[in-house]
Every structure is written in structure tokens, then in C-alpha cells.
């Protein structure tokens, strides 16, 4: 089990609300975690050799605005629908953008999602 999978498992165990986890098809080092309403989304990303992990929090509103940062909003909207319905999110390689994401401490991720459920 790599560092990303370990953190996801830890997060699911920490959280008292239903969380959805979806891995990116084209970027295996990243996954998306969302609360039931998908109003708050956390993106976890590791480097290629799974030695470092970053977490980013983004609101649904900012995610949808991400087209301005060079992301394809149609894919994002479609992905969120799939995420809600099936717990899967097809996606492109996802590059974090400093203006869109707010880096947060890993220990706060579960709490962050619970507050918005």
C-alpha cells in the first residue's frame, strides 16, 4: 500500500461522515475526496515515487471556476456528476493552481469535510 492509499484509508477511518473517494484515470498519484453533497472537495496528490503527499481543499464553486485557470470545466462538471452518482471521477491530469487551491494540513482534511456535510 503506497502513501496515498494509506492516507485515504486513514482519512476514511477518521471521518464520521460519508466520504466519496475517486482516483484519476490519467493521474494515478492523485485522488479526489468529497463529502456527500460534493460541496467541498479535497484533492490529494503525491509525487511519482509516493514519498511526499500534498492536500488541497477547493469548494465546488471554485472548482467550477477553474476553467479560468486553464482546466476544462465540461470535464469537471461531468466528473462531479459521476462522482456523486457512482463514486468515480473520470478525469484529466490535474495540475494544482495556487489561486484555486488552498493548501491545508492533512490532519484537518476529515474535519474540513465533516463541517460542510
C-alpha atoms as a PDB file:
ATOM      1  CA  UNK A   1       0.000   0.000   0.000  1.00  0.00           C
ATOM      2  CA  UNK A   2       1.510   3.341  -1.048  1.00  0.00           C
ATOM      3  CA  UNK A   3       1.451   6.624   0.883  1.00  0.00           C
ATOM      4  CA  UNK A   4      -1.621   7.899  -0.973  1.00  0.00           C
ATOM      5  CA  UNK A   5      -3.657   4.773  -0.242  1.00  0.00           C
ATOM      6  CA  UNK A   6      -2.555   4.863   3.403  1.00  0.00           C
ATOM      7  CA  UNK A   7      -3.674   8.474   3.802  1.00  0.00           C
ATOM      8  CA  UNK A   8      -7.015   7.766   2.123  1.00  0.00           C
ATOM      9  CA  UNK A   9      -7.616   4.838   4.466  1.00  0.00           C
ATOM     10  CA  UNK A  10      -6.620   6.969   7.446  1.00  0.00           C
ATOM     11  CA  UNK A  11      -8.968   9.719   6.312  1.00  0.00           C
ATOM     12  CA  UNK A  12     -11.907   7.354   5.872  1.00  0.00           C
ATOM     13  CA  UNK A  13     -11.278   5.943   9.349  1.00  0.00           C
ATOM     14  CA  UNK A  14     -11.054   9.444  10.893  1.00  0.00           C
ATOM     15  CA  UNK A  15     -14.227  10.750   9.333  1.00  0.00           C
ATOM     16  CA  UNK A  16     -17.666  10.297  10.823  1.00  0.00           C
ATOM     17  CA  UNK A  17     -19.464  11.336   7.625  1.00  0.00           C
ATOM     18  CA  UNK A  18     -19.825   9.556   4.296  1.00  0.00           C
ATOM     19  CA  UNK A  19     -16.935  10.398   2.019  1.00  0.00           C
ATOM     20  CA  UNK A  20     -16.525   9.527  -1.629  1.00  0.00           C
ATOM     21  CA  UNK A  21     -13.083   8.669  -2.950  1.00  0.00           C
ATOM     22  CA  UNK A  22     -12.345   8.679  -6.666  1.00  0.00           C
ATOM     23  CA  UNK A  23      -8.988   8.148  -8.342  1.00  0.00           C
ATOM     24  CA  UNK A  24      -7.980   9.920 -11.530  1.00  0.00           C
ATOM     25  CA  UNK A  25      -7.731   7.653 -14.548  1.00  0.00           C
ATOM     26  CA  UNK A  26      -4.817   9.536 -16.101  1.00  0.00           C
ATOM     27  CA  UNK A  27      -3.026  10.550 -12.932  1.00  0.00           C
ATOM     28  CA  UNK A  28      -2.683   7.640 -10.529  1.00  0.00           C
ATOM     29  CA  UNK A  29      -0.822   9.739  -7.967  1.00  0.00           C
ATOM     30  CA  UNK A  30      -3.932  11.811  -7.239  1.00  0.00           C
ATOM     31  CA  UNK A  31      -7.412  11.238  -5.946  1.00  0.00           C
ATOM     32  CA  UNK A  32     -10.465  13.279  -5.072  1.00  0.00           C
ATOM     33  CA  UNK A  33     -12.330  13.022  -1.801  1.00  0.00           C
ATOM     34  CA  UNK A  34     -15.717  14.685  -1.423  1.00  0.00           C
ATOM     35  CA  UNK A  35     -18.427  14.815   1.167  1.00  0.00           C
ATOM     36  CA  UNK A  36     -21.901  13.558   0.331  1.00  0.00           C
ATOM     37  CA  UNK A  37     -23.080  16.819  -1.212  1.00  0.00           C
ATOM     38  CA  UNK A  38     -19.771  17.281  -3.094  1.00  0.00           C
ATOM     39  CA  UNK A  39     -19.867  20.918  -1.982  1.00  0.00           C
ATOM     40  CA  UNK A  40     -16.380  20.570  -0.564  1.00  0.00           C
ATOM     41  CA  UNK A  41     -13.691  18.649  -2.357  1.00  0.00           C
ATOM     42  CA  UNK A  42     -10.216  17.651  -1.277  1.00  0.00           C
ATOM     43  CA  UNK A  43      -7.585  16.663  -3.806  1.00  0.00           C
ATOM     44  CA  UNK A  44      -4.725  14.501  -2.547  1.00  0.00           C
ATOM     45  CA  UNK A  45      -1.607  14.361  -4.692  1.00  0.00           C
ATOM     46  CA  UNK A  46       1.665  12.501  -4.252  1.00  0.00           C
ATOM     47  CA  UNK A  47       4.862  12.651  -6.236  1.00  0.00           C
ATOM     48  CA  UNK A  48       5.697   9.859  -8.694  1.00  0.00           C
ATOM     49  CA  UNK A  49       7.573   7.733  -6.171  1.00  0.00           C
ATOM     50  CA  UNK A  50       4.941   8.197  -3.439  1.00  0.00           C
ATOM     51  CA  UNK A  51       7.333   9.730  -0.904  1.00  0.00           C
ATOM     52  CA  UNK A  52       5.595  13.090  -0.448  1.00  0.00           C
ATOM     53  CA  UNK A  53       1.912  13.947  -0.202  1.00  0.00           C
ATOM     54  CA  UNK A  54       0.054  17.244  -0.560  1.00  0.00           C
ATOM     55  CA  UNK A  55      -3.581  18.001   0.136  1.00  0.00           C
ATOM     56  CA  UNK A  56      -5.629  20.789  -1.370  1.00  0.00           C
ATOM     57  CA  UNK A  57      -9.098  21.960  -0.481  1.00  0.00           C
ATOM     58  CA  UNK A  58     -11.363  23.517  -3.049  1.00  0.00           C
ATOM     59  CA  UNK A  59     -15.015  24.495  -2.930  1.00  0.00           C
ATOM     60  CA  UNK A  60     -17.371  23.305  -5.644  1.00  0.00           C
ATOM     61  CA  UNK A  61     -17.806  26.945  -6.688  1.00  0.00           C
ATOM     62  CA  UNK A  62     -14.059  27.432  -7.155  1.00  0.00           C
ATOM     63  CA  UNK A  63     -13.744  24.057  -8.871  1.00  0.00           C
ATOM     64  CA  UNK A  64     -16.292  25.150 -11.451  1.00  0.00           C
ATOM     65  CA  UNK A  65     -14.486  28.461 -11.858  1.00  0.00           C
ATOM     66  CA  UNK A  66     -11.262  26.585 -12.535  1.00  0.00           C
ATOM     67  CA  UNK A  67     -11.776  26.921 -16.276  1.00  0.00           C
ATOM     68  CA  UNK A  68     -10.259  30.384 -15.883  1.00  0.00           C
ATOM     69  CA  UNK A  69      -7.146  28.641 -14.603  1.00  0.00           C
ATOM     70  CA  UNK A  70      -6.903  26.516 -17.743  1.00  0.00           C
ATOM     71  CA  UNK A  71      -8.982  23.492 -16.778  1.00  0.00           C
ATOM     72  CA  UNK A  72     -11.763  22.021 -18.882  1.00  0.00           C
ATOM     73  CA  UNK A  73     -14.973  22.862 -16.987  1.00  0.00           C
ATOM     74  CA  UNK A  74     -17.105  20.472 -19.050  1.00  0.00           C
ATOM     75  CA  UNK A  75     -14.969  17.534 -17.930  1.00  0.00           C
ATOM     76  CA  UNK A  76     -15.046  18.821 -14.368  1.00  0.00           C
ATOM     77  CA  UNK A  77     -18.847  19.154 -14.272  1.00  0.00           C
ATOM     78  CA  UNK A  78     -19.282  15.744 -15.886  1.00  0.00           C
ATOM     79  CA  UNK A  79     -16.796  14.295 -13.440  1.00  0.00           C
ATOM     80  CA  UNK A  80     -18.630  15.710 -10.428  1.00  0.00           C
ATOM     81  CA  UNK A  81     -21.891  14.152 -11.641  1.00  0.00           C
ATOM     82  CA  UNK A  82     -20.175  10.786 -11.932  1.00  0.00           C
ATOM     83  CA  UNK A  83     -18.560  11.305  -8.549  1.00  0.00           C
ATOM     84  CA  UNK A  84     -21.932  11.902  -6.914  1.00  0.00           C
ATOM     85  CA  UNK A  85     -23.646   9.003  -8.654  1.00  0.00           C
ATOM     86  CA  UNK A  86     -21.034   6.270  -8.640  1.00  0.00           C
ATOM     87  CA  UNK A  87     -18.140   7.385  -6.518  1.00  0.00           C
ATOM     88  CA  UNK A  88     -15.895   7.539  -9.582  1.00  0.00           C
ATOM     89  CA  UNK A  89     -14.468  10.528 -11.354  1.00  0.00           C
ATOM     90  CA  UNK A  90     -13.024  10.222 -14.844  1.00  0.00           C
ATOM     91  CA  UNK A  91     -10.504  12.949 -15.360  1.00  0.00           C
ATOM     92  CA  UNK A  92      -7.557  14.581 -16.979  1.00  0.00           C
ATOM     93  CA  UNK A  93      -4.112  15.033 -15.494  1.00  0.00           C
ATOM     94  CA  UNK A  94      -4.829  17.552 -12.784  1.00  0.00           C
ATOM     95  CA  UNK A  95      -2.303  20.305 -12.146  1.00  0.00           C
ATOM     96  CA  UNK A  96      -2.805  22.286  -8.954  1.00  0.00           C
ATOM     97  CA  UNK A  97      -3.200  26.029  -9.386  1.00  0.00           C
ATOM     98  CA  UNK A  98      -2.175  28.228  -6.487  1.00  0.00           C
ATOM     99  CA  UNK A  99      -5.045  30.662  -6.950  1.00  0.00           C
ATOM    100  CA  UNK A 100      -7.666  27.924  -6.927  1.00  0.00           C
ATOM    101  CA  UNK A 101      -6.441  25.643  -4.173  1.00  0.00           C
ATOM    102  CA  UNK A 102      -5.714  26.383  -0.557  1.00  0.00           C
ATOM    103  CA  UNK A 103      -3.130  24.032   0.893  1.00  0.00           C
ATOM    104  CA  UNK A 104      -4.342  22.560   4.172  1.00  0.00           C
ATOM    105  CA  UNK A 105      -2.894  20.368   6.870  1.00  0.00           C
ATOM    106  CA  UNK A 106      -3.580  16.666   6.332  1.00  0.00           C
ATOM    107  CA  UNK A 107      -4.902  16.268   9.880  1.00  0.00           C
ATOM    108  CA  UNK A 108      -7.627  18.826   9.152  1.00  0.00           C
ATOM    109  CA  UNK A 109      -8.967  17.237   5.970  1.00  0.00           C
ATOM    110  CA  UNK A 110     -11.532  14.927   7.580  1.00  0.00           C
ATOM    111  CA  UNK A 111     -12.782  17.694   9.867  1.00  0.00           C
ATOM    112  CA  UNK A 112     -12.921  20.107   6.933  1.00  0.00           C
ATOM    113  CA  UNK A 113     -15.173  17.737   5.016  1.00  0.00           C
ATOM    114  CA  UNK A 114     -17.351  16.966   8.041  1.00  0.00           C
ATOM    115  CA  UNK A 115     -18.083  20.623   8.732  1.00  0.00           C
ATOM    116  CA  UNK A 116     -19.574  21.046   5.275  1.00  0.00           C
ATOM    117  CA  UNK A 117     -21.670  17.873   5.223  1.00  0.00           C
END
